[in-house]
Amino acid sequence: MRFYLMTDLEGVAGVCNWEKRDDVGPWNTLRRQRISRLLAGEVNAAIDGLTEAGFEDIIVNDGHGAGSTIDYEMADPRAVYMHGMERPFWLPFLDATCDATGAVGAHSKASTEGGNLAHTMSGAIRCWSFNGIEGGETGLQALIAGYFNVPFVFAAGDEHLCREMEELVPGCVTVAVKQGTSLLSALTVAPERSRELIREGAARAAEAIAEVGPLKLESPVVFRDERKEPTWDEEAPGEATRVVNAHVREIEGEDLMDVLMKMYPKYDRDYRPEQWRPGVRD
């Protein structure tokens, strides 16, 4: 079985402040090295649990920021890793070949009260919704997976994120390793405990496949994009189907992928990656 594991940083136990990639001072460099190790530890724990659950083909998406946050010297060799920038799609290799998907280090959606490091894609977003269904980055992952008939079955991160995904995808396994108490603070477990919890939760992921159906949207799909600051111009709507006001735009498409191609014109709807796996060549 194949599992697609998305990763982020803000939901990792022991992380409660924004990563500062532009700060090259010694203290911040040490901090960034530490949080890369914390993320790698949680990813490895998930791989342990997923392997126990019967997934023998695991794709890990190093999804935070510049796409190179996992400490690769700690990377579990039982998985392959998608990393780097200028990707052909946000979630390469998440398609109908996968049996299930999930996330580690996940954070709650923008405007979540008490959500530690809560946001959706950027600090500019107040709210995203698809056909009236509000969701953050992990919710969008579940919707993209649903487009390919793949169920979202596992999420680890902030307690607020876990509640969010339980409501969006009833029956999925969630693991809270921290409880956000504000945007920049959280009550968190120790790294060793977070890994134990994630390993146990991921081991139950295969069982959830039978209980969780793919999260799908009916056609047409209407994406609503609400910004904190005035952003949109009714006379120059860009890719928007309509500009409601300076804070809100909507994009309508035949299906979710049609909407995503309008949101991100650089993506190619027909792109399908070669299903490469490492091996010895003759």
Protein backbone atom coordinates (compact mmCIF):
# COMPACT_ATOMS: atom_id res chain seq x y z
CA MET A 1 0.00 0.00 0.00
CA ARG A 2 1.11 3.55 -0.71
CA PHE A 3 0.81 6.43 1.78
CA TYR A 4 1.38 10.11 1.03
CA LEU A 5 2.61 11.98 4.12
CA MET A 6 2.54 15.78 4.00
CA THR A 7 4.70 17.60 6.55
CA ASP A 8 4.74 21.10 7.96
CA LEU A 9 6.60 22.70 10.83
CA GLU A 10 4.21 24.84 12.85
CA GLY A 11 2.38 21.87 14.38
CA VAL A 12 5.51 20.07 15.63
CA ALA A 13 5.89 19.65 19.40
CA GLY A 14 8.47 22.15 20.67
CA VAL A 15 7.81 24.71 17.93
CA CYS A 16 5.78 27.74 18.97
CA ASN A 17 7.33 30.64 17.02
CA TRP A 18 7.69 31.40 13.33
CA GLU A 19 10.76 30.14 11.52
CA LYS A 20 13.04 33.05 10.56
CA ARG A 21 14.87 31.95 7.42
CA ASP A 22 16.46 35.36 6.84
CA ASP A 23 18.17 35.43 10.23
CA VAL A 24 21.64 33.86 9.82
CA GLY A 25 22.82 34.68 13.36
CA PRO A 26 24.28 31.84 15.45
CA TRP A 27 21.33 31.47 17.84
CA ASN A 28 18.74 31.30 15.06
CA THR A 29 20.92 28.90 13.09
CA LEU A 30 21.04 26.56 16.08
CA ARG A 31 17.29 26.94 16.57
CA ARG A 32 16.59 26.06 12.94
CA GLN A 33 18.79 23.00 13.18
CA ARG A 34 16.93 21.94 16.31
CA ILE A 35 13.46 22.30 14.82
CA SER A 36 14.59 20.39 11.72
CA ARG A 37 15.54 17.52 14.01
CA LEU A 38 12.23 17.78 15.89
CA LEU A 39 10.34 17.54 12.61
CA ALA A 40 12.46 14.61 11.43
CA GLY A 41 11.77 12.77 14.68
CA GLU A 42 8.00 13.10 14.23
CA VAL A 43 8.19 12.10 10.56
CA ASN A 44 10.21 9.01 11.46
CA ALA A 45 7.69 8.09 14.14
CA ALA A 46 4.88 8.34 11.58
CA ILE A 47 6.84 6.14 9.17
CA ASP A 48 7.26 3.58 11.96
CA GLY A 49 3.52 3.50 12.57
CA LEU A 50 2.58 3.48 8.89
CA THR A 51 4.97 0.61 8.23
CA GLU A 52 3.41 -1.32 11.10
CA ALA A 53 0.00 -0.61 9.55
CA GLY A 54 1.07 -2.28 6.31
CA PHE A 55 2.16 0.64 4.14
CA GLU A 56 5.29 -0.48 2.32
CA ASP A 57 5.51 2.54 -0.04
CA ILE A 58 5.65 5.90 1.79
CA ILE A 59 6.12 9.27 0.08
CA VAL A 60 7.03 12.14 2.41
CA ASN A 61 6.48 15.70 1.23
CA ASP A 62 8.87 18.14 2.97
CA GLY A 63 6.19 20.78 2.75
CA HIS A 64 7.24 23.63 5.00
CA GLY A 65 8.53 26.93 3.63
CA ALA A 66 11.37 26.45 1.19
CA GLY A 67 10.72 22.71 1.07
CA SER A 68 13.88 21.63 2.85
CA THR A 69 13.12 21.55 6.57
CA ILE A 70 13.50 17.88 7.49
CA ASP A 71 16.95 16.97 8.81
CA TYR A 72 17.86 14.48 6.08
CA GLU A 73 20.70 12.95 8.07
CA MET A 74 17.93 11.59 10.29
CA ALA A 75 15.61 10.56 7.44
CA ASP A 76 14.12 7.08 7.67
CA PRO A 77 15.33 5.03 4.64
CA ARG A 78 11.96 3.26 4.33
CA ALA A 79 10.46 6.37 2.72
CA VAL A 80 11.22 8.60 -0.27
CA TYR A 81 11.14 12.38 0.10
CA MET A 82 9.78 15.21 -2.05
CA HIS A 83 11.66 18.43 -1.33
CA GLY A 84 12.79 21.71 -2.88
CA MET A 85 11.17 24.70 -4.57
CA GLU A 86 9.67 25.48 -8.01
CA ARG A 87 7.55 22.35 -7.88
CA PRO A 88 5.27 21.34 -10.76
CA PHE A 89 2.40 21.08 -8.26
CA TRP A 90 1.92 21.78 -4.56
CA LEU A 91 1.57 18.07 -3.72
CA PRO A 92 3.50 16.12 -6.38
CA PHE A 93 2.85 12.36 -6.36
CA LEU A 94 -0.44 12.69 -4.47
CA ASP A 95 -2.72 11.01 -6.99
CA ALA A 96 -4.88 7.95 -7.58
CA THR A 97 -1.90 5.62 -7.05
CA CYS A 98 -2.01 6.42 -3.32
CA ASP A 99 -4.16 4.40 -0.93
CA ALA A 100 -4.33 7.09 1.74
CA THR A 101 -2.85 10.39 2.87
CA GLY A 102 -2.16 12.30 6.08
CA ALA A 103 -0.05 15.01 7.68
CA VAL A 104 2.51 15.56 10.44
CA GLY A 105 3.42 18.92 11.99
CA ALA A 106 0.11 20.40 10.87
CA HIS A 107 -1.32 23.69 12.12
CA SER A 108 -4.84 25.08 12.25
CA LYS A 109 -6.40 27.32 9.63
CA ALA A 110 -6.20 31.10 9.54
CA SER A 111 -8.21 33.01 12.17
CA THR A 112 -8.42 30.03 14.55
CA GLU A 113 -8.75 31.45 18.05
CA GLY A 114 -5.90 30.11 20.19
CA GLY A 115 -4.35 28.24 17.28
CA ASN A 116 -0.57 28.23 17.65
CA LEU A 117 0.95 29.66 14.46
CA ALA A 118 -2.46 29.41 12.80
CA HIS A 119 -2.48 30.53 9.16
CA THR A 120 -3.49 29.46 5.68
CA MET A 121 -0.62 29.66 3.19
CA SER A 122 0.36 33.17 4.32
CA GLY A 123 -0.38 35.75 6.97
CA ALA A 124 -2.44 37.73 4.45
CA ILE A 125 -5.30 35.20 4.41
CA ARG A 126 -8.29 35.62 6.72
CA CYS A 127 -10.32 32.68 5.42
CA TRP A 128 -10.41 30.19 2.54
CA SER A 129 -13.46 28.14 1.61
CA PHE A 130 -14.48 25.77 -1.19
CA ASN A 131 -18.22 25.49 -1.82
CA GLY A 132 -18.72 27.01 1.61
CA ILE A 133 -16.43 24.51 3.35
CA GLU A 134 -13.78 26.38 5.32
CA GLY A 135 -10.37 24.82 5.56
CA GLY A 136 -6.69 25.50 5.93
CA GLU A 137 -3.71 23.88 4.28
CA THR A 138 -4.43 20.42 5.68
CA GLY A 139 -8.05 20.70 4.63
CA LEU A 140 -6.94 21.58 1.11
CA GLN A 141 -4.69 18.52 1.12
CA ALA A 142 -7.71 16.39 2.02
CA LEU A 143 -9.73 17.96 -0.81
CA ILE A 144 -6.97 17.40 -3.36
CA ALA A 145 -6.69 13.80 -2.20
CA GLY A 146 -10.46 13.46 -2.51
CA TYR A 147 -10.29 14.68 -6.10
CA PHE A 148 -8.15 11.59 -6.79
CA ASN A 149 -10.48 9.36 -4.65
CA VAL A 150 -7.85 9.08 -1.92
CA PRO A 151 -9.02 9.27 1.73
CA PHE A 152 -7.40 11.54 4.31
CA VAL A 153 -6.92 9.32 7.38
CA PHE A 154 -4.27 10.78 9.71
CA ALA A 155 -3.21 14.16 11.14
CA ALA A 156 -0.76 15.12 13.88
CA GLY A 157 -0.22 18.64 15.21
CA ASP A 158 -2.00 21.29 17.23
CA GLU A 159 -5.16 20.32 19.12
CA HIS A 160 -7.02 23.01 17.17
CA LEU A 161 -5.94 21.39 13.90
CA CYS A 162 -7.08 17.98 15.14
CA ARG A 163 -10.56 19.32 15.91
CA GLU A 164 -10.63 21.02 12.51
CA MET A 165 -9.83 17.79 10.65
CA GLU A 166 -12.15 15.62 12.78
CA GLU A 167 -15.01 17.91 11.75
CA LEU A 168 -13.96 18.03 8.12
CA VAL A 169 -13.15 14.32 7.75
CA PRO A 170 -15.09 12.34 10.39
CA GLY A 171 -13.32 9.11 11.29
CA CYS A 172 -9.79 10.23 10.50
CA VAL A 173 -7.16 9.50 13.17
CA THR A 174 -5.79 12.62 14.86
CA VAL A 175 -2.91 13.06 17.28
CA ALA A 176 -2.53 16.27 19.30
CA VAL A 177 1.05 16.89 20.41
CA LYS A 178 0.43 20.47 21.54
CA GLN A 179 -2.43 22.77 22.48
CA GLY A 180 -2.18 26.26 21.11
CA THR A 181 -2.94 28.92 23.71
CA SER A 182 -2.32 31.88 21.42
CA LEU A 183 -0.75 32.58 18.06
CA LEU A 184 2.73 32.47 19.63
CA SER A 185 2.35 30.09 22.58
CA ALA A 186 1.39 26.48 23.25
CA LEU A 187 1.26 23.76 25.87
CA THR A 188 3.33 20.98 24.33
CA VAL A 189 4.53 17.46 25.11
CA ALA A 190 8.21 16.48 25.11
CA PRO A 191 9.65 15.23 21.78
CA GLU A 192 9.90 11.62 22.97
CA ARG A 193 6.23 11.62 23.95
CA SER A 194 5.14 13.28 20.69
CA ARG A 195 6.87 10.51 18.75
CA GLU A 196 5.20 7.81 20.83
CA LEU A 197 1.78 9.35 20.20
CA ILE A 198 2.40 9.80 16.47
CA ARG A 199 3.69 6.25 16.08
CA GLU A 200 0.59 4.88 17.83
CA GLY A 201 -1.76 7.06 15.77
CA ALA A 202 -0.15 6.31 12.44
CA ALA A 203 -0.35 2.58 13.17
CA ARG A 204 -4.15 2.98 13.16
CA ALA A 205 -4.22 4.79 9.82
CA ALA A 206 -4.91 1.69 7.71
CA GLU A 207 -7.96 0.86 9.82
CA ALA A 208 -9.42 4.30 9.08
CA ILE A 209 -9.38 3.75 5.31
CA ALA A 210 -12.53 1.62 5.51
CA GLU A 211 -14.29 4.23 7.64
CA VAL A 212 -13.24 7.44 5.88
CA GLY A 213 -14.43 8.23 2.39
CA PRO A 214 -12.60 10.64 0.07
CA LEU A 215 -13.50 14.28 0.75
CA LYS A 216 -15.09 15.39 -2.53
CA LEU A 217 -16.73 18.54 -3.84
CA GLU A 218 -19.73 18.80 -6.14
CA SER A 219 -19.44 20.69 -9.43
CA PRO A 220 -19.14 23.60 -9.91
CA VAL A 221 -16.54 24.48 -7.28
CA VAL A 222 -16.50 28.02 -5.92
CA PHE A 223 -13.37 29.12 -4.07
CA ARG A 224 -13.76 32.13 -1.75
CA ASP A 225 -10.59 33.98 -0.78
CA GLU A 226 -10.89 36.50 2.06
CA ARG A 227 -7.92 38.74 2.88
CA LYS A 228 -7.17 40.75 6.01
CA GLU A 229 -6.18 43.86 4.08
CA PRO A 230 -7.80 45.44 0.98
CA THR A 231 -6.29 43.48 -1.91
CA TRP A 232 -8.61 43.03 -4.87
CA ASP A 233 -9.65 45.51 -7.56
CA GLU A 234 -13.06 45.04 -9.19
CA GLU A 235 -11.78 46.68 -12.37
CA ALA A 236 -8.75 44.37 -12.55
CA PRO A 237 -9.92 41.03 -11.12
CA GLY A 238 -7.08 38.95 -12.50
CA GLU A 239 -7.91 35.25 -12.37
CA ALA A 240 -10.95 35.90 -10.15
CA THR A 241 -14.40 35.03 -11.45
CA ARG A 242 -15.73 37.90 -9.40
CA VAL A 243 -14.42 40.44 -6.91
CA VAL A 244 -16.97 40.81 -4.13
CA ASN A 245 -15.12 43.69 -2.48
CA ALA A 246 -11.55 44.78 -1.82
CA HIS A 247 -11.17 41.98 0.76
CA VAL A 248 -12.96 39.12 -1.01
CA ARG A 249 -12.68 37.40 -4.38
CA GLU A 250 -14.21 34.23 -5.76
CA ILE A 251 -12.94 31.80 -8.38
CA GLU A 252 -15.32 29.31 -9.97
CA GLY A 253 -14.34 26.17 -11.83
CA GLU A 254 -15.71 22.92 -13.13
CA ASP A 255 -13.95 21.00 -10.36
CA LEU A 256 -11.29 21.51 -7.69
CA MET A 257 -8.39 21.04 -10.09
CA ASP A 258 -9.85 23.60 -12.48
CA VAL A 259 -10.00 26.10 -9.61
CA LEU A 260 -6.44 25.33 -8.53
CA MET A 261 -5.15 25.87 -12.06
CA LYS A 262 -6.80 29.31 -12.04
CA MET A 263 -5.38 30.09 -8.60
CA TYR A 264 -1.90 28.97 -9.64
CA PRO A 265 -1.55 29.43 -13.44
CA LYS A 266 2.02 28.08 -13.43
CA TYR A 267 0.71 24.57 -12.69
CA ASP A 268 -0.08 22.14 -15.52
CA ARG A 269 -3.34 20.27 -14.97
CA ASP A 270 -2.12 17.35 -17.09
CA TYR A 271 1.15 16.95 -15.19
CA ARG A 272 1.68 13.44 -13.86
CA PRO A 273 5.09 12.59 -12.38
CA GLU A 274 6.93 9.46 -13.37
CA GLN A 275 6.48 6.92 -10.60
CA TRP A 276 10.18 6.56 -9.85
CA ARG A 277 11.54 4.50 -7.00
CA PRO A 278 15.21 3.89 -6.08
CA GLY A 279 16.85 0.66 -7.06
CA VAL A 280 19.92 -1.01 -8.50
CA ARG A 281 20.06 -0.87 -12.30
CA ASP A 282 21.35 -3.74 -14.40
